[in-house]
N, C-alpha and C. Protein backbone atom coordinates (compact mmCIF):
# COMPACT_ATOMS: atom_id res chain seq x y z
N MET A 1 0.53 -1.30 -0.25
CA MET A 1 0.03 0.34 0.13
C MET A 1 1.01 0.96 -0.12
N LEU A 2 0.45 2.10 -0.61
CA LEU A 2 1.51 3.68 -0.72
C LEU A 2 0.66 4.16 -0.20
N ASP A 3 -0.28 4.69 -0.32
CA ASP A 3 -0.64 5.77 0.57
C ASP A 3 -2.60 5.92 0.66
N LEU A 4 -3.08 6.63 2.06
CA LEU A 4 -4.67 6.86 1.61
C LEU A 4 -4.93 8.33 0.99
N LEU A 5 -5.88 8.42 -0.16
CA LEU A 5 -5.40 10.05 -0.15
C LEU A 5 -7.27 10.16 0.16
N PRO A 6 -7.32 11.37 1.05
CA PRO A 6 -8.96 11.91 0.75
C PRO A 6 -9.53 12.47 -0.83
N LEU A 7 -10.61 12.10 -0.75
CA LEU A 7 -10.90 12.88 -2.08
C LEU A 7 -11.94 13.35 -1.47
N HIS A 8 -12.09 15.00 -1.71
CA HIS A 8 -12.78 15.65 -0.64
C HIS A 8 -14.12 16.35 -2.51
N GLY A 9 -14.77 16.19 -2.10
CA GLY A 9 -15.88 16.33 -3.45
C GLY A 9 -16.12 15.44 -4.02
N THR A 10 -16.09 15.37 -5.59
CA THR A 10 -16.38 14.16 -6.40
C THR A 10 -15.82 13.32 -6.19
N THR A 11 -15.65 11.88 -6.71
CA THR A 11 -15.20 10.73 -6.47
C THR A 11 -15.14 10.78 -7.96
N LYS A 12 -15.21 11.52 -9.07
CA LYS A 12 -15.33 10.77 -10.69
C LYS A 12 -13.69 10.37 -10.91
N GLY A 13 -14.20 9.03 -11.89
CA GLY A 13 -12.74 8.67 -12.46
C GLY A 13 -11.35 9.62 -12.24
N THR A 14 -11.96 10.78 -13.06
CA THR A 14 -10.89 12.07 -14.00
C THR A 14 -10.26 12.39 -11.87
N ASP A 15 -11.02 12.39 -10.95
CA ASP A 15 -10.65 12.78 -10.16
C ASP A 15 -9.68 11.98 -9.33
N ILE A 16 -9.95 10.86 -9.19
CA ILE A 16 -9.09 9.68 -8.67
C ILE A 16 -7.90 9.67 -9.79
N PHE A 17 -7.85 9.31 -11.18
CA PHE A 17 -6.96 9.48 -11.78
C PHE A 17 -5.53 10.48 -11.53
N GLU A 18 -6.31 11.83 -11.64
CA GLU A 18 -5.44 13.08 -11.32
C GLU A 18 -4.80 12.94 -9.59
N ALA A 19 -5.46 12.19 -8.97
CA ALA A 19 -4.87 12.22 -7.19
C ALA A 19 -3.65 10.83 -7.20
N VAL A 20 -4.32 9.75 -8.35
CA VAL A 20 -2.93 8.81 -7.96
C VAL A 20 -2.04 9.08 -8.76
N ASN A 21 -2.45 9.63 -9.91
CA ASN A 21 -0.94 9.73 -10.72
C ASN A 21 0.05 11.09 -9.92
N LYS A 22 -0.60 11.90 -9.27
CA LYS A 22 0.26 12.88 -8.86
C LYS A 22 1.13 12.29 -7.81
N LEU A 23 0.49 11.30 -6.90
CA LEU A 23 0.79 10.68 -5.80
C LEU A 23 1.81 9.65 -6.16
N VAL A 24 1.42 8.92 -7.46
CA VAL A 24 3.02 8.00 -7.94
C VAL A 24 3.91 8.59 -8.89
N SER A 25 3.58 9.79 -9.20
CA SER A 25 4.72 10.47 -9.91
C SER A 25 5.83 10.69 -8.79
N ASP A 26 5.09 11.63 -7.97
CA ASP A 26 6.16 11.70 -7.01
C ASP A 26 6.78 10.70 -6.40
N TYR A 27 6.53 9.46 -6.48
CA TYR A 27 6.96 7.85 -5.69
C TYR A 27 8.75 7.09 -7.44
N GLY A 28 8.12 8.50 -8.14
CA GLY A 28 8.76 7.14 -9.69
C GLY A 28 8.27 6.84 -10.54
N GLY A 29 6.60 6.97 -10.39
CA GLY A 29 5.95 6.83 -11.66
C GLY A 29 5.37 5.56 -11.55
N PHE A 30 4.08 5.31 -12.73
CA PHE A 30 3.41 3.80 -12.64
C PHE A 30 4.47 2.26 -12.93
N ASP A 31 5.50 2.91 -13.70
CA ASP A 31 6.93 1.66 -14.06
C ASP A 31 6.85 1.32 -12.52
N LYS A 32 7.27 1.61 -11.64
CA LYS A 32 7.15 0.95 -9.97
C LYS A 32 5.96 0.67 -9.37
N CYS A 33 4.67 0.61 -10.39
CA CYS A 33 3.88 0.21 -9.08
C CYS A 33 3.60 -1.38 -9.87
N SER A 34 3.19 -1.99 -8.96
CA SER A 34 3.18 -3.39 -9.19
C SER A 34 2.02 -3.96 -9.78
N CYS A 35 0.86 -3.70 -8.93
CA CYS A 35 -0.19 -3.55 -9.35
C CYS A 35 -1.27 -2.28 -8.74
N ILE A 36 -2.46 -2.15 -9.07
CA ILE A 36 -3.33 -1.23 -8.56
C ILE A 36 -4.97 -2.22 -8.14
N VAL A 37 -5.23 -2.38 -6.76
CA VAL A 37 -6.32 -2.96 -6.39
C VAL A 37 -7.44 -1.95 -6.14
N THR A 38 -9.01 -2.09 -6.89
CA THR A 38 -9.99 -1.48 -7.08
C THR A 38 -11.36 -2.10 -6.43
N ASP A 39 -12.16 -1.00 -6.01
CA ASP A 39 -13.65 -1.87 -5.63
C ASP A 39 -14.42 -1.81 -7.44
N GLY A 40 -15.85 -2.38 -6.93
CA GLY A 40 -16.72 -2.02 -7.91
C GLY A 40 -16.83 -0.96 -8.53
N ALA A 41 -16.68 0.38 -7.73
CA ALA A 41 -17.27 1.70 -8.26
C ALA A 41 -17.42 1.88 -9.37
N ARG A 42 -17.99 2.45 -10.29
CA ARG A 42 -18.06 3.23 -11.96
C ARG A 42 -16.60 4.05 -11.73
N GLY A 43 -16.41 4.73 -10.76
CA GLY A 43 -15.63 5.76 -10.90
C GLY A 43 -13.86 5.33 -11.25
N MET A 44 -13.87 3.55 -10.87
CA MET A 44 -12.73 2.86 -10.80
C MET A 44 -13.24 2.24 -11.83
N THR A 45 -13.92 1.54 -12.56
CA THR A 45 -14.25 0.04 -13.20
C THR A 45 -14.60 0.86 -14.99
N ALA A 46 -14.89 1.90 -15.11
CA ALA A 46 -15.46 2.10 -16.11
C ALA A 46 -14.49 2.50 -17.53
N THR A 47 -15.30 1.81 -18.90
CA THR A 47 -13.90 1.19 -19.51
C THR A 47 -13.15 2.78 -20.21
N GLU A 48 -13.51 3.74 -19.84
CA GLU A 48 -14.24 5.47 -20.87
C GLU A 48 -13.82 6.33 -19.52
N ILE A 49 -14.78 7.09 -18.94
CA ILE A 49 -14.13 7.79 -17.64
C ILE A 49 -13.75 6.93 -16.61
N GLY A 50 -13.87 5.56 -16.26
CA GLY A 50 -13.60 5.31 -14.71
C GLY A 50 -11.34 5.45 -14.85
N PHE A 51 -10.84 5.48 -13.77
CA PHE A 51 -9.58 5.59 -13.20
C PHE A 51 -9.10 4.40 -14.13
N ALA A 52 -9.81 3.16 -14.31
CA ALA A 52 -8.78 2.25 -14.94
C ALA A 52 -8.62 2.44 -16.69
N GLY A 53 -10.25 3.11 -17.13
CA GLY A 53 -9.80 3.21 -18.79
C GLY A 53 -9.25 4.34 -18.56
N LEU A 54 -8.73 5.23 -18.17
CA LEU A 54 -8.03 6.75 -17.67
C LEU A 54 -6.89 6.13 -17.97
N LEU A 55 -6.34 4.60 -17.00
CA LEU A 55 -5.19 4.38 -17.09
C LEU A 55 -4.69 3.95 -18.67
N LYS A 56 -5.50 3.33 -19.65
CA LYS A 56 -5.34 2.98 -20.68
C LYS A 56 -5.46 3.97 -21.37
N GLN A 57 -6.04 5.03 -21.37
CA GLN A 57 -6.17 6.16 -21.98
C GLN A 57 -4.58 6.70 -22.06
N ASN A 58 -4.26 6.74 -21.25
CA ASN A 58 -2.57 7.69 -21.26
C ASN A 58 -1.76 6.40 -20.98
N SER A 59 -1.67 5.60 -21.52
CA SER A 59 -0.77 3.79 -22.41
C SER A 59 -0.13 4.11 -20.86
N ILE A 60 -0.77 3.37 -19.67
CA ILE A 60 0.01 3.32 -18.31
C ILE A 60 -0.70 1.51 -18.26
N ASN A 61 0.05 0.66 -18.27
CA ASN A 61 -0.07 -0.61 -18.29
C ASN A 61 0.27 -1.61 -17.36
N CYS A 62 -0.35 -0.90 -15.99
CA CYS A 62 -0.84 -1.68 -14.58
C CYS A 62 -1.65 -2.78 -14.28
N PRO A 63 -1.31 -4.03 -13.86
CA PRO A 63 -2.22 -5.07 -13.46
C PRO A 63 -3.63 -3.79 -12.69
N MET A 64 -4.55 -4.69 -12.56
CA MET A 64 -5.80 -4.45 -11.75
C MET A 64 -6.19 -5.61 -11.02
N ILE A 65 -6.37 -5.56 -9.68
CA ILE A 65 -6.75 -6.13 -9.18
C ILE A 65 -8.24 -5.80 -8.22
N HIS A 66 -9.74 -6.85 -8.70
CA HIS A 66 -10.56 -6.13 -8.00
C HIS A 66 -11.10 -6.51 -6.76
N CYS A 67 -11.57 -5.91 -5.69
CA CYS A 67 -11.61 -6.02 -4.35
C CYS A 67 -10.93 -7.13 -3.93
N ILE A 68 -9.88 -5.90 -2.86
CA ILE A 68 -9.35 -6.50 -1.94
C ILE A 68 -9.10 -7.94 -1.27
N VAL A 69 -10.26 -7.69 -0.66
CA VAL A 69 -10.96 -8.66 0.32
C VAL A 69 -10.65 -10.02 -0.54
N HIS A 70 -11.60 -10.80 -1.49
CA HIS A 70 -11.86 -10.95 -2.11
C HIS A 70 -10.29 -11.87 -2.58
N GLN A 71 -8.99 -10.79 -2.81
CA GLN A 71 -8.12 -11.68 -3.26
C GLN A 71 -6.67 -11.72 -2.06
N GLU A 72 -7.26 -11.89 -1.06
CA GLU A 72 -6.05 -11.82 -0.13
C GLU A 72 -5.67 -12.82 0.39
N SER A 73 -6.16 -13.79 -0.34
CA SER A 73 -5.72 -15.53 -0.39
C SER A 73 -4.41 -15.66 -0.87
N LEU A 74 -5.29 -15.15 -2.16
CA LEU A 74 -4.00 -15.50 -3.63
C LEU A 74 -3.15 -14.18 -3.30
N CYS A 75 -2.53 -13.35 -2.68
CA CYS A 75 -1.76 -12.14 -2.96
C CYS A 75 -0.80 -12.46 -1.71
N GLY A 76 -1.58 -12.88 -0.13
CA GLY A 76 -0.85 -13.11 0.40
C GLY A 76 0.03 -14.69 0.54
N LYS A 77 0.11 -15.57 -0.56
CA LYS A 77 0.02 -16.49 -1.25
C LYS A 77 1.64 -16.24 -1.80
N SER A 78 1.34 -15.81 -2.69
CA SER A 78 1.92 -15.21 -3.94
C SER A 78 3.04 -14.46 -3.66
N LEU A 79 2.62 -12.79 -2.92
CA LEU A 79 3.41 -12.27 -2.17
C LEU A 79 4.21 -12.09 -1.00
N ARG A 80 3.83 -13.60 -0.88
CA ARG A 80 4.37 -14.28 0.65
C ARG A 80 4.77 -13.11 1.67
N GLN A 81 3.32 -12.17 1.94
CA GLN A 81 3.23 -10.81 2.94
C GLN A 81 2.46 -11.63 3.31
N ILE A 82 2.41 -12.30 3.95
CA ILE A 82 0.53 -12.47 4.75
C ILE A 82 0.12 -11.76 5.90
N ASN A 83 1.61 -11.46 6.93
CA ASN A 83 1.33 -10.48 7.72
C ASN A 83 0.61 -9.24 7.29
N VAL A 84 1.06 -8.68 5.78
CA VAL A 84 0.31 -7.37 5.36
C VAL A 84 -0.77 -7.37 5.10
N MET A 85 -1.05 -8.55 4.32
CA MET A 85 -2.43 -8.81 3.83
C MET A 85 -3.46 -8.62 5.23
N LYS A 86 -3.12 -9.52 6.40
CA LYS A 86 -4.23 -9.98 7.56
C LYS A 86 -3.91 -8.50 8.32
N VAL A 87 -3.02 -7.45 7.81
CA VAL A 87 -3.49 -6.01 8.43
C VAL A 87 -4.28 -5.07 7.65
N ALA A 88 -3.82 -5.52 5.96
CA ALA A 88 -5.02 -4.83 4.76
C ALA A 88 -6.82 -5.11 5.22
N VAL A 89 -6.82 -6.13 5.88
CA VAL A 89 -8.07 -7.23 5.98
C VAL A 89 -9.04 -6.53 6.83
N LYS A 90 -7.27 -6.50 8.06
CA LYS A 90 -8.32 -6.09 9.29
C LYS A 90 -8.59 -4.41 9.15
N ILE A 91 -8.14 -3.91 8.70
CA ILE A 91 -8.43 -2.53 8.47
C ILE A 91 -9.58 -2.05 7.45
N THR A 92 -9.76 -3.03 6.12
CA THR A 92 -10.85 -3.07 5.74
C THR A 92 -12.30 -3.65 6.48
N ASN A 93 -12.18 -4.49 7.03
CA ASN A 93 -13.23 -4.87 8.07
C ASN A 93 -13.64 -3.84 9.18
N ILE A 94 -12.85 -3.45 10.42
CA ILE A 94 -12.72 -1.97 10.35
C ILE A 94 -13.65 -0.80 9.89
N VAL A 95 -13.40 -0.48 8.67
CA VAL A 95 -13.94 0.54 8.67
C VAL A 95 -15.38 0.12 7.78
N ARG A 96 -15.17 -0.78 7.20
CA ARG A 96 -16.58 -0.93 6.34
C ARG A 96 -17.58 -2.19 6.75
N GLY A 97 -17.23 -2.88 7.77
CA GLY A 97 -17.80 -4.12 7.87
C GLY A 97 -18.67 -4.10 9.89
N GLY A 98 -20.01 -4.38 9.65
CA GLY A 98 -20.06 -5.77 11.12
C GLY A 98 -20.55 -4.34 12.24
N ASN A 99 -20.77 -4.54 13.37
CA ASN A 99 -21.52 -3.27 14.49
C ASN A 99 -20.58 -2.60 14.74
N ARG A 100 -19.27 -3.14 14.46
CA ARG A 100 -17.82 -2.40 15.37
C ARG A 100 -17.76 -1.09 13.54
N ALA A 101 -18.35 -0.97 12.68
CA ALA A 101 -17.61 -0.50 11.69
C ALA A 101 -17.43 0.75 12.41
N LEU A 102 -16.26 1.89 11.24
CA LEU A 102 -16.16 3.07 12.10
C LEU A 102 -17.43 4.27 11.03
N THR A 103 -17.46 4.99 11.18
CA THR A 103 -19.25 5.76 10.99
C THR A 103 -17.97 6.98 10.21
N HIS A 104 -18.46 7.54 9.31
CA HIS A 104 -17.86 8.65 8.12
C HIS A 104 -17.38 9.43 9.38
N THR A 105 -18.09 10.09 10.20
CA THR A 105 -17.32 11.13 11.19
C THR A 105 -16.51 10.87 11.96
N LYS A 106 -16.45 9.56 12.13
CA LYS A 106 -15.04 8.86 13.11
C LYS A 106 -13.91 8.68 12.35
N ILE A 107 -14.05 8.51 11.10
CA ILE A 107 -13.11 8.10 9.92
C ILE A 107 -12.69 9.74 9.38
N ARG A 108 -13.22 10.81 9.22
CA ARG A 108 -12.81 11.76 9.76
C ARG A 108 -11.95 12.26 10.17
N ASP A 109 -12.50 12.22 11.37
CA ASP A 109 -11.67 12.58 12.73
C ASP A 109 -10.84 11.68 12.67
N PHE A 110 -10.58 11.26 12.94
CA PHE A 110 -8.73 10.32 12.46
C PHE A 110 -8.23 10.51 11.17
N LEU A 111 -8.95 10.72 10.39
CA LEU A 111 -7.82 11.43 9.37
C LEU A 111 -7.51 12.99 9.61
N ALA A 112 -7.98 13.19 10.07
CA ALA A 112 -7.82 14.73 10.59
C ALA A 112 -6.29 15.05 11.62
N GLU A 113 -7.04 13.41 12.96
CA GLU A 113 -5.75 13.75 13.62
C GLU A 113 -4.78 13.51 13.04
N VAL A 114 -4.37 12.51 12.03
CA VAL A 114 -2.94 12.32 12.01
C VAL A 114 -2.77 13.43 10.47
N ASP A 115 -3.62 14.11 10.55
CA ASP A 115 -2.98 15.36 9.27
C ASP A 115 -3.27 14.54 8.03
N ALA A 116 -3.81 13.50 7.56
CA ALA A 116 -4.00 13.40 6.73
C ALA A 116 -5.04 14.30 5.62
N ILE A 117 -6.14 14.75 6.28
CA ILE A 117 -6.80 16.24 5.42
C ILE A 117 -6.70 17.38 5.85
């Protein structure tokens, strides 16, 4: 995982692409990126206006994996980073699921506390 970026306002494919492109450029470009993990949102997967489509339009060839939770086993085994995957899945479950899920307000407060917004 490279970073978590807050997107204020809209989360269109162009917004996501611009934010990720700037971040990845600061770390040496997409040539150093091993893969991108997405959810099923239209802003991420749309073939023309989504993040995936904009990557292709800009001739960026980076493998994309759909939904980190469904891929945890494969990734953990093939990359031999099972501890990293356990932490990522735990964070995902805390943010998204169950009766202990974080509310938008708690997430926003946490991000402000760590100067992420």
